[in-house]
Amino acid sequence: MTDEPSAAGTAPASAPRSDRLDPALLTLAATVVVGALTAMLDMTMVTVALAGLARDFDASVALIQWVSTAYLLAIAVTVPLTGWAVERFGAKTMWLFALTVFGVGSALCGTAWSAGSLIAFRVLQGLGGGMIVPLSMTILAQAAGDERRGRVMSIAAVPAQLAPIAGPPLGGILVEGPGWRWIFYINVPVCALALLLARRGIPRTARPAAARPLDVTGVALLSPALAVLTYGLYRTSGWFLGAGAVLLAAFTVHALRTRVTPLLDPRLFTVRPFAAAAALGFLSRMSVFGAMLLMPLYYQQVRGYGALAAGLLLVPQSLGTLLALPLVGKATDRAGARPVVLAGVAVTVPAAVLCAQVGPDTSELLLSAALLLWGVGMAAASVPVMAAAYHGMEPTAIPRATSALTAVQTVGASVGAAVLAVILQHRLDSRPTAPAAAFGDTFWWVAAFAALALLPALLLPGLPRPSCGDGSVR
């Protein structure tokens, strides 16, 4: 692996660079987005249904929280296997498999008769959903090449950017309408459509003549490490965090010494563009999921709004993302990832600072403006990261890199949710008569996480140098 752009899997070096994405690539992107969107929305729609689930199943809040936690744990276990599975069976085959498992799991969730059955079916659903996001990134990254990757990855970012915002209001509509079961049933026809589109719209890619053997020891160490760390973060348990850290350290030693290709190669993090992108992905997920946790709680606990109203008040962030995504992709291809991400961080930090000013009567208009800026900034700070992560990377290495990047982002989301929940609870306990101030104090931490992204942003690559006709770099 080198830091220089590779022309493998892209157009011939002598082909002129086009500023337009060809119809075949756009069709592929749309096909992938349909499948990815349903998995990402499902993660956020469930959050507004937990209270109703606890009531219907006569379950405690501690038990019903496992409906969300079990799904995330299943994703953490599955993600590291995705890169090997793509190399072994091909991206299209695994895409069809993941959609099928997710759809079947969704249908079973809708038929759940108890909290325990729903939690078990959520694990199955998560095993499919955990593959969908890294597979979508792999398929599009391989098809786009370096010169078009920024624009294509801005399309791929639509599900990840919109789901945290669109999910809660959509979930609220379904819960208050046909009922919570339709949060899961709605996935079934969408998965069926995605399967039909994928059979014709996703090309089969060549696989290695001799697929690398599965790193069984790596599976036995890494998947439990991520699961135990995720559980420890949700339970704020030092024992589980320590056990997860030991397993992760053991996996790192194994991966550096093993003679087979490791499940997740730590050497990827020695490549500067990938390491910077991974750090940014970790911090951006902390910020995004932190805002997704704090703002709805503020609107419900401090302002007294219902779940649907609180979800709808997050729409400005979605609007900001929608407005920014097309511009961000083009800007990344033309100027490189570094200046675009720096601009995104420069917008996100002031937006978080504005949210830190919340009080019991803060204007919804002011908060909507802050969320609009937040949406613009997060799109600019996160989309180029996905393009920069594959900078100069051989197409054959992309599946493994995608699995590593997705694993880092999943842990980042878990860290953000767990750490900010602990901080918020501590502030609420210490200032029980001033809940608005407790939320404001916690938002300062979100601003700090966003500001930390400046450091890895400075290490991102600039504009890739175009190739000459003889294969050299200009």
Protein backbone atom coordinates (compact mmCIF):
# COMPACT_ATOMS: atom_id res chain seq x y z
CA MET A 1 0.00 0.00 0.00
CA THR A 2 1.34 3.41 -0.90
CA ASP A 3 0.37 7.00 -0.50
CA GLU A 4 0.36 7.58 -4.26
CA PRO A 5 -2.90 7.33 -6.20
CA SER A 6 -3.51 4.04 -7.97
CA ALA A 7 -5.21 3.81 -11.30
CA ALA A 8 -6.27 0.21 -10.73
CA GLY A 9 -9.96 -0.29 -11.10
CA THR A 10 -10.48 3.17 -12.59
CA ALA A 11 -10.55 4.57 -16.08
CA PRO A 12 -7.38 4.31 -18.18
CA ALA A 13 -4.75 6.90 -17.31
CA SER A 14 -5.01 8.50 -20.72
CA ALA A 15 -8.75 9.08 -20.43
CA PRO A 16 -9.66 12.74 -19.93
CA ARG A 17 -11.04 13.67 -16.58
CA SER A 18 -14.77 14.39 -16.64
CA ASP A 19 -16.55 16.73 -14.23
CA ARG A 20 -19.72 14.69 -14.57
CA LEU A 21 -20.59 11.36 -13.03
CA ASP A 22 -21.65 8.90 -15.72
CA PRO A 23 -25.22 7.49 -15.57
CA ALA A 24 -24.03 3.99 -14.70
CA LEU A 25 -22.22 5.25 -11.60
CA LEU A 26 -25.19 7.37 -10.54
CA THR A 27 -27.48 4.37 -10.95
CA LEU A 28 -25.15 2.27 -8.84
CA ALA A 29 -25.06 4.97 -6.14
CA ALA A 30 -28.87 5.21 -6.06
CA THR A 31 -29.17 1.43 -5.83
CA VAL A 32 -26.80 1.28 -2.89
CA VAL A 33 -28.39 4.24 -1.08
CA VAL A 34 -31.83 2.57 -1.14
CA GLY A 35 -30.46 -0.40 0.78
CA ALA A 36 -28.28 1.60 3.15
CA LEU A 37 -31.02 4.06 4.05
CA THR A 38 -33.35 1.48 5.55
CA ALA A 39 -30.64 0.09 7.84
CA MET A 40 -29.54 3.52 9.03
CA LEU A 41 -33.10 4.75 9.60
CA ASP A 42 -33.92 1.67 11.65
CA MET A 43 -31.18 2.51 14.15
CA THR A 44 -32.80 5.86 14.95
CA MET A 45 -36.52 5.12 14.55
CA VAL A 46 -36.45 2.66 17.44
CA THR A 47 -35.35 5.33 19.94
CA VAL A 48 -38.80 6.97 20.01
CA ALA A 49 -40.56 3.61 20.49
CA LEU A 50 -38.77 2.43 23.65
CA ALA A 51 -41.29 3.93 26.07
CA GLY A 52 -44.19 2.25 24.26
CA LEU A 53 -42.32 -1.05 24.10
CA ALA A 54 -41.70 -1.00 27.85
CA ARG A 55 -45.39 -0.40 28.42
CA ASP A 56 -46.63 -3.04 25.96
CA PHE A 57 -44.26 -5.74 27.22
CA ASP A 58 -44.48 -4.69 30.89
CA ALA A 59 -40.69 -4.45 30.92
CA SER A 60 -38.32 -2.22 32.84
CA VAL A 61 -36.45 0.57 31.09
CA ALA A 62 -33.18 -1.25 31.86
CA LEU A 63 -34.42 -4.33 30.00
CA ILE A 64 -36.04 -2.57 27.07
CA GLN A 65 -32.85 -0.55 26.41
CA TRP A 66 -31.39 -3.83 25.16
CA VAL A 67 -33.59 -3.46 22.07
CA SER A 68 -31.14 -0.76 20.95
CA THR A 69 -28.00 -2.07 22.65
CA ALA A 70 -28.32 -5.61 21.22
CA TYR A 71 -28.56 -4.18 17.71
CA LEU A 72 -25.41 -2.10 18.19
CA LEU A 73 -23.53 -5.03 19.70
CA ALA A 74 -24.47 -7.20 16.71
CA ILE A 75 -23.12 -4.53 14.38
CA ALA A 76 -19.87 -4.30 16.35
CA VAL A 77 -19.40 -8.07 16.03
CA THR A 78 -20.25 -8.18 12.30
CA VAL A 79 -18.32 -5.23 10.89
CA PRO A 80 -14.81 -6.73 11.16
CA LEU A 81 -15.90 -9.80 9.17
CA THR A 82 -17.26 -7.79 6.25
CA GLY A 83 -13.94 -7.09 4.54
CA TRP A 84 -12.96 -10.77 4.50
CA ALA A 85 -16.43 -11.80 3.32
CA VAL A 86 -16.24 -9.37 0.37
CA GLU A 87 -12.89 -10.81 -0.70
CA ARG A 88 -14.15 -14.37 -0.26
CA PHE A 89 -17.64 -14.15 -1.81
CA GLY A 90 -17.72 -10.79 -3.65
CA ALA A 91 -19.40 -7.49 -2.83
CA LYS A 92 -22.61 -8.17 -4.76
CA THR A 93 -23.19 -11.57 -3.16
CA MET A 94 -22.62 -10.17 0.33
CA TRP A 95 -24.86 -7.17 -0.41
CA LEU A 96 -27.73 -9.47 -1.37
CA PHE A 97 -27.06 -11.65 1.68
CA ALA A 98 -26.97 -8.68 4.10
CA LEU A 99 -30.21 -7.21 2.75
CA THR A 100 -31.93 -10.59 3.04
CA VAL A 101 -30.82 -11.14 6.65
CA PHE A 102 -31.83 -7.59 7.58
CA GLY A 103 -35.24 -7.96 5.93
CA VAL A 104 -35.95 -11.31 7.60
CA GLY A 105 -34.81 -9.94 10.95
CA SER A 106 -37.07 -6.89 10.51
CA ALA A 107 -40.10 -9.06 9.76
CA LEU A 108 -39.41 -11.19 12.85
CA CYS A 109 -39.02 -8.08 15.02
CA GLY A 110 -42.48 -6.97 13.94
CA THR A 111 -43.94 -10.25 15.18
CA ALA A 112 -42.20 -10.15 18.59
CA TRP A 113 -44.38 -11.29 21.51
CA SER A 114 -42.09 -10.32 24.38
CA ALA A 115 -39.12 -8.13 25.20
CA GLY A 116 -36.83 -11.17 25.09
CA SER A 117 -38.01 -12.27 21.63
CA LEU A 118 -37.64 -8.73 20.28
CA ILE A 119 -34.09 -8.46 21.63
CA ALA A 120 -33.17 -11.81 20.03
CA PHE A 121 -34.63 -10.78 16.67
CA ARG A 122 -32.79 -7.45 16.89
CA VAL A 123 -29.52 -9.38 17.10
CA LEU A 124 -30.37 -11.16 13.84
CA GLN A 125 -31.39 -7.86 12.27
CA GLY A 126 -28.12 -6.28 13.41
CA LEU A 127 -26.04 -9.06 11.84
CA GLY A 128 -27.43 -8.04 8.45
CA GLY A 129 -27.55 -4.31 9.14
CA GLY A 130 -23.94 -4.30 10.35
CA MET A 131 -22.76 -5.40 6.90
CA ILE A 132 -24.89 -2.99 4.87
CA VAL A 133 -23.05 0.27 5.63
CA PRO A 134 -19.45 -0.95 5.05
CA LEU A 135 -20.63 -2.84 1.95
CA SER A 136 -22.22 0.30 0.51
CA MET A 137 -18.98 2.25 1.03
CA THR A 138 -16.90 -0.57 -0.48
CA ILE A 139 -19.05 -0.92 -3.60
CA LEU A 140 -19.03 2.80 -4.36
CA ALA A 141 -15.37 3.40 -3.44
CA GLN A 142 -14.25 0.62 -5.78
CA ALA A 143 -16.42 1.88 -8.63
CA ALA A 144 -15.57 5.57 -8.33
CA GLY A 145 -11.76 5.77 -8.33
CA ASP A 146 -9.76 8.62 -6.76
CA GLU A 147 -10.90 11.45 -9.05
CA ARG A 148 -14.65 10.88 -8.59
CA ARG A 149 -14.66 9.51 -5.07
CA GLY A 150 -15.56 12.76 -3.30
CA ARG A 151 -18.76 13.26 -5.30
CA VAL A 152 -19.76 9.62 -5.09
CA MET A 153 -19.11 9.37 -1.36
CA SER A 154 -21.27 12.47 -0.83
CA ILE A 155 -24.11 10.40 -2.29
CA ALA A 156 -23.18 7.44 -0.10
CA ALA A 157 -23.25 9.75 2.93
CA VAL A 158 -26.95 10.54 2.49
CA PRO A 159 -28.19 7.64 4.69
CA ALA A 160 -25.65 8.23 7.46
CA GLN A 161 -26.25 11.98 7.53
CA LEU A 162 -30.05 11.94 7.31
CA ALA A 163 -30.89 8.91 9.44
CA PRO A 164 -30.14 10.52 12.85
CA ILE A 165 -32.50 13.36 11.94
CA ALA A 166 -35.19 11.75 9.78
CA GLY A 167 -35.43 8.61 11.92
CA PRO A 168 -36.98 10.06 15.12
CA PRO A 169 -39.85 11.97 13.43
CA LEU A 170 -40.58 9.08 11.09
CA GLY A 171 -40.55 6.70 14.03
CA GLY A 172 -42.85 9.04 15.94
CA ILE A 173 -45.33 9.07 13.04
CA LEU A 174 -45.37 5.27 12.89
CA VAL A 175 -45.63 4.82 16.67
CA GLU A 176 -48.48 7.30 17.00
CA GLY A 177 -50.15 5.91 13.85
CA PRO A 178 -50.22 2.20 12.96
CA GLY A 179 -48.06 1.22 15.96
CA TRP A 180 -44.47 0.34 16.86
CA ARG A 181 -44.47 -2.93 14.87
CA TRP A 182 -44.48 -0.90 11.65
CA ILE A 183 -41.07 0.53 12.54
CA PHE A 184 -39.83 -2.94 11.58
CA TYR A 185 -42.42 -3.98 8.99
CA ILE A 186 -41.67 -0.92 6.87
CA ASN A 187 -38.17 -2.30 6.24
CA VAL A 188 -39.48 -5.39 4.47
CA PRO A 189 -40.79 -3.79 1.22
CA VAL A 190 -37.79 -1.45 1.10
CA CYS A 191 -35.41 -4.41 1.39
CA ALA A 192 -37.35 -6.22 -1.35
CA LEU A 193 -36.99 -3.18 -3.62
CA ALA A 194 -33.28 -2.89 -2.80
CA LEU A 195 -32.79 -6.58 -3.66
CA LEU A 196 -34.50 -6.18 -7.03
CA LEU A 197 -32.41 -3.10 -7.86
CA ALA A 198 -29.19 -4.77 -6.72
CA ARG A 199 -29.62 -7.89 -8.86
CA ARG A 200 -29.46 -5.78 -12.01
CA GLY A 201 -27.69 -2.63 -10.85
CA ILE A 202 -24.63 -3.89 -8.96
CA PRO A 203 -21.92 -5.49 -11.12
CA ARG A 204 -20.02 -8.52 -9.98
CA THR A 205 -16.37 -7.78 -9.26
CA ALA A 206 -13.45 -10.13 -9.75
CA ARG A 207 -12.34 -11.97 -6.64
CA PRO A 208 -8.82 -13.19 -5.87
CA ALA A 209 -8.03 -16.55 -7.45
CA ALA A 210 -7.23 -17.87 -3.97
CA ALA A 211 -9.18 -16.06 -1.30
CA ARG A 212 -7.25 -15.42 1.90
CA PRO A 213 -8.14 -17.74 4.80
CA LEU A 214 -10.31 -16.41 7.57
CA ASP A 215 -8.33 -15.10 10.55
CA VAL A 216 -10.12 -17.28 13.11
CA THR A 217 -8.00 -16.08 16.04
CA GLY A 218 -8.67 -12.50 15.00
CA VAL A 219 -12.41 -13.15 14.98
CA ALA A 220 -12.18 -14.70 18.44
CA LEU A 221 -10.38 -11.62 19.77
CA LEU A 222 -11.61 -8.56 17.85
CA SER A 223 -15.36 -9.14 17.62
CA PRO A 224 -15.71 -9.83 21.37
CA ALA A 225 -13.38 -6.90 22.10
CA LEU A 226 -15.64 -4.45 20.25
CA ALA A 227 -18.78 -5.99 21.75
CA VAL A 228 -17.41 -5.90 25.32
CA LEU A 229 -16.14 -2.34 24.90
CA THR A 230 -19.52 -1.23 23.53
CA TYR A 231 -21.35 -2.90 26.41
CA GLY A 232 -18.94 -1.40 28.91
CA LEU A 233 -19.56 2.08 27.52
CA TYR A 234 -23.31 1.67 27.77
CA ARG A 235 -23.06 0.29 31.31
CA THR A 236 -20.14 2.58 32.26
CA SER A 237 -18.47 -0.54 33.69
CA GLY A 238 -14.75 -0.39 34.35
CA TRP A 239 -14.55 -4.19 34.41
CA PHE A 240 -16.02 -4.56 30.94
CA LEU A 241 -13.98 -1.65 29.56
CA GLY A 242 -10.82 -3.20 30.96
CA ALA A 243 -11.65 -6.63 29.56
CA GLY A 244 -12.39 -5.10 26.17
CA ALA A 245 -9.11 -3.19 26.20
CA VAL A 246 -7.18 -6.38 27.02
CA LEU A 247 -8.87 -8.27 24.17
CA LEU A 248 -8.16 -5.38 21.80
CA ALA A 249 -4.49 -5.29 22.81
CA ALA A 250 -4.25 -9.06 22.35
CA PHE A 251 -5.76 -8.75 18.89
CA THR A 252 -3.27 -6.03 17.93
CA VAL A 253 -0.33 -8.22 18.94
CA HIS A 254 -1.82 -11.15 17.04
CA ALA A 255 -2.52 -9.07 13.92
CA LEU A 256 1.06 -7.80 13.76
CA ARG A 257 2.55 -11.29 14.12
CA THR A 258 0.16 -13.57 12.22
CA ARG A 259 1.20 -15.05 8.88
CA VAL A 260 -2.35 -14.89 7.49
CA THR A 261 -4.00 -11.63 6.51
CA PRO A 262 -5.44 -10.24 9.77
CA LEU A 263 -9.13 -9.59 10.15
CA LEU A 264 -8.34 -5.91 10.65
CA ASP A 265 -4.85 -4.80 9.72
CA PRO A 266 -3.34 -2.36 12.27
CA ARG A 267 -0.82 -1.35 9.61
CA LEU A 268 -3.60 0.55 7.86
CA PHE A 269 -3.32 3.12 10.62
CA THR A 270 0.31 3.79 9.68
CA VAL A 271 -0.88 5.30 6.37
CA ARG A 272 -1.42 8.97 7.12
CA PRO A 273 -4.59 9.63 5.06
CA PHE A 274 -6.34 6.59 6.50
CA ALA A 275 -5.25 7.28 10.09
CA ALA A 276 -6.40 10.90 9.85
CA ALA A 277 -9.70 9.85 8.31
CA ALA A 278 -10.26 7.24 11.03
CA ALA A 279 -9.60 9.78 13.80
CA LEU A 280 -11.96 12.26 12.16
CA GLY A 281 -14.60 9.57 11.70
CA PHE A 282 -14.36 8.70 15.39
CA LEU A 283 -14.71 12.32 16.52
CA SER A 284 -17.47 13.21 14.04
CA ARG A 285 -19.55 10.22 15.14
CA MET A 286 -19.07 11.30 18.76
CA SER A 287 -20.39 14.73 17.85
CA VAL A 288 -23.29 13.53 15.67
CA PHE A 289 -24.57 10.92 18.10
CA GLY A 290 -24.01 13.29 20.99
CA ALA A 291 -26.28 15.87 19.39
CA MET A 292 -28.80 13.16 18.52
CA LEU A 293 -28.87 12.16 22.20
CA LEU A 294 -28.92 15.61 23.79
CA MET A 295 -31.20 17.74 21.65
CA PRO A 296 -34.28 15.48 21.68
CA LEU A 297 -33.88 14.99 25.44
CA TYR A 298 -33.66 18.75 25.92
CA TYR A 299 -36.83 19.37 23.96
CA GLN A 300 -38.71 16.64 25.86
CA GLN A 301 -37.37 16.99 29.41
CA VAL A 302 -36.87 20.77 29.57
CA ARG A 303 -39.42 22.10 27.08
CA GLY A 304 -42.08 19.42 27.52
CA TYR A 305 -42.47 18.46 23.84
CA GLY A 306 -43.56 14.98 22.73
CA ALA A 307 -41.36 12.55 20.82
CA LEU A 308 -42.77 13.46 17.40
CA ALA A 309 -42.51 17.21 18.00
CA ALA A 310 -38.95 16.84 19.30
CA GLY A 311 -38.02 14.85 16.21
CA LEU A 312 -39.54 17.44 13.89
CA LEU A 313 -37.56 20.20 15.60
CA LEU A 314 -34.39 18.44 14.44
CA VAL A 315 -35.33 18.86 10.76
CA PRO A 316 -33.14 21.99 10.28
CA GLN A 317 -30.05 19.84 10.75
CA SER A 318 -31.29 17.52 8.01
CA LEU A 319 -31.95 20.52 5.76
CA GLY A 320 -28.43 21.83 6.32
CA THR A 321 -26.99 18.45 5.38
CA LEU A 322 -29.14 18.21 2.24
CA LEU A 323 -28.03 21.66 1.11
CA ALA A 324 -24.36 20.94 1.76
CA LEU A 325 -23.90 17.40 0.42
CA PRO A 326 -23.82 18.19 -3.34
CA LEU A 327 -21.44 21.11 -2.81
CA VAL A 328 -19.19 19.17 -0.45
CA GLY A 329 -18.65 16.32 -2.91
CA LYS A 330 -17.64 18.68 -5.72
CA ALA A 331 -15.44 20.76 -3.46
CA THR A 332 -13.61 17.66 -2.24
CA ASP A 333 -12.84 16.49 -5.79
CA ARG A 334 -11.61 19.96 -6.78
CA ALA A 335 -9.79 21.18 -3.66
CA GLY A 336 -9.02 17.99 -1.73
CA ALA A 337 -10.30 16.82 1.63
CA ARG A 338 -8.21 19.00 3.94
CA PRO A 339 -9.66 22.48 3.22
CA VAL A 340 -13.24 21.18 3.06
CA VAL A 341 -12.98 19.42 6.42
CA LEU A 342 -11.34 22.43 8.05
CA ALA A 343 -14.21 24.59 6.80
CA GLY A 344 -16.69 22.06 8.17
CA VAL A 345 -15.08 22.07 11.61
CA ALA A 346 -15.03 25.87 11.55
CA VAL A 347 -18.82 25.82 11.11
CA THR A 348 -19.61 22.94 13.48
CA VAL A 349 -17.81 24.32 16.54
CA PRO A 350 -19.76 27.64 16.64
CA ALA A 351 -23.00 25.69 16.13
CA ALA A 352 -22.20 23.53 19.16
CA VAL A 353 -21.31 26.65 21.16
CA LEU A 354 -24.72 28.12 20.27
CA CYS A 355 -26.40 24.95 21.54
CA ALA A 356 -24.41 25.28 24.77
CA GLN A 357 -26.35 28.49 25.48
CA VAL A 358 -29.66 26.63 25.89
CA GLY A 359 -31.97 27.72 28.68
CA PRO A 360 -35.54 26.96 29.72
CA ASP A 361 -36.92 29.50 27.22
CA THR A 362 -34.31 29.58 24.45
CA SER A 363 -35.82 30.57 21.11
CA GLU A 364 -36.58 27.61 18.85
CA LEU A 365 -35.55 29.84 15.95
CA LEU A 366 -32.06 30.30 17.42
CA LEU A 367 -31.71 26.57 18.04
CA SER A 368 -32.96 25.81 14.52
CA ALA A 369 -30.31 28.15 13.11
CA ALA A 370 -27.66 26.37 15.17
CA LEU A 371 -28.86 22.97 13.93
CA LEU A 372 -28.87 24.21 10.33
CA LEU A 373 -25.23 25.27 10.71
CA TRP A 374 -24.50 21.97 12.42
CA GLY A 375 -25.90 20.05 9.46
CA VAL A 376 -23.80 22.03 6.99
CA GLY A 377 -20.67 21.67 9.10
CA MET A 378 -21.05 17.94 9.72
CA ALA A 379 -21.57 17.26 6.00
CA ALA A 380 -18.42 19.21 5.19
CA ALA A 381 -16.45 17.56 8.01
CA SER A 382 -17.50 13.96 7.42
CA VAL A 383 -18.08 13.36 3.69
CA PRO A 384 -14.49 14.17 2.60
CA VAL A 385 -13.26 11.82 5.33
CA MET A 386 -14.68 8.84 3.48
CA ALA A 387 -13.01 9.94 0.25
CA ALA A 388 -9.69 10.71 1.95
CA ALA A 389 -9.58 7.34 3.73
CA TYR A 390 -9.06 5.56 0.40
CA HIS A 391 -6.57 8.07 -0.99
CA GLY A 392 -3.86 6.22 -2.91
CA MET A 393 -5.22 2.83 -1.84
CA GLU A 394 -5.28 -0.21 -4.12
CA PRO A 395 -8.87 -1.34 -4.89
CA THR A 396 -8.15 -4.77 -3.42
CA ALA A 397 -7.40 -3.17 -0.03
CA ILE A 398 -10.64 -1.15 0.07
CA PRO A 399 -12.86 -3.84 1.67
CA ARG A 400 -10.50 -4.29 4.62
CA ALA A 401 -10.07 -0.53 4.98
CA THR A 402 -13.83 -0.02 4.94
CA SER A 403 -14.33 -2.59 7.70
CA ALA A 404 -11.67 -0.89 9.82
CA LEU A 405 -13.12 2.58 9.22
CA THR A 406 -16.66 1.45 10.01
CA ALA A 407 -15.50 -0.29 13.19
CA VAL A 408 -13.81 2.93 14.34
CA GLN A 409 -16.92 4.97 13.56
CA THR A 410 -19.17 2.49 15.40
CA VAL A 411 -16.99 2.71 18.49
CA GLY A 412 -16.98 6.51 18.15
CA ALA A 413 -20.77 6.59 18.14
CA SER A 414 -20.83 4.38 21.23
CA VAL A 415 -18.26 6.52 23.03
CA GLY A 416 -20.14 9.71 22.21
CA ALA A 417 -23.49 8.40 23.41
CA ALA A 418 -22.08 6.78 26.56
CA VAL A 419 -19.74 9.58 27.64
CA LEU A 420 -22.26 12.37 27.08
CA ALA A 421 -25.02 10.41 28.80
CA VAL A 422 -22.80 10.03 31.88
CA ILE A 423 -21.84 13.72 31.81
CA LEU A 424 -25.48 14.79 31.42
CA GLN A 425 -26.65 12.53 34.26
CA HIS A 426 -23.90 13.87 36.52
CA ARG A 427 -24.90 17.45 35.72
CA LEU A 428 -28.60 16.69 36.32
CA ASP A 429 -27.81 15.05 39.65
CA SER A 430 -25.65 17.97 40.79
CA ARG A 431 -28.10 20.65 39.51
CA PRO A 432 -31.57 19.07 39.85
CA THR A 433 -33.34 22.44 39.80
CA ALA A 434 -31.55 23.64 36.65
CA PRO A 435 -31.91 20.95 33.95
CA ALA A 436 -31.47 23.44 31.11
CA ALA A 437 -28.09 24.47 32.53
CA ALA A 438 -27.12 20.78 32.76
CA PHE A 439 -27.80 20.38 29.04
CA GLY A 440 -25.83 23.54 28.29
CA ASP A 441 -22.84 22.27 30.27
CA THR A 442 -22.93 18.97 28.36
CA PHE A 443 -23.07 20.70 24.99
CA TRP A 444 -19.74 22.35 25.81
CA TRP A 445 -18.25 18.86 25.72
CA VAL A 446 -19.75 18.32 22.27
CA ALA A 447 -18.11 21.54 21.15
CA ALA A 448 -14.80 20.31 22.55
CA PHE A 449 -15.09 17.01 20.64
CA ALA A 450 -15.79 18.94 17.44
CA ALA A 451 -12.81 21.25 18.03
CA LEU A 452 -10.49 18.26 18.52
CA ALA A 453 -11.21 17.29 14.93
CA LEU A 454 -8.97 20.15 13.82
CA LEU A 455 -5.87 18.12 14.67
CA PRO A 456 -6.43 15.10 12.37
CA ALA A 457 -7.97 17.40 9.74
CA LEU A 458 -4.57 19.03 9.25
CA LEU A 459 -3.13 15.60 8.33
CA LEU A 460 -5.61 14.89 5.54
CA PRO A 461 -4.32 14.80 1.95
CA GLY A 462 -4.81 17.70 -0.40
CA LEU A 463 -5.97 17.48 -4.00
CA PRO A 464 -4.86 14.23 -5.68
CA ARG A 465 -2.40 14.83 -8.49
CA PRO A 466 -3.80 13.75 -11.88
CA SER A 467 -2.08 10.98 -13.80
CA CYS A 468 -0.28 11.50 -17.10
CA GLY A 469 -0.82 9.33 -20.10
CA ASP A 470 2.31 7.29 -19.35
CA GLY A 471 1.09 6.42 -15.85
CA SER A 472 3.34 8.93 -14.08
CA VAL A 473 1.99 11.60 -11.74
CA ARG A 474 1.88 15.21 -12.74
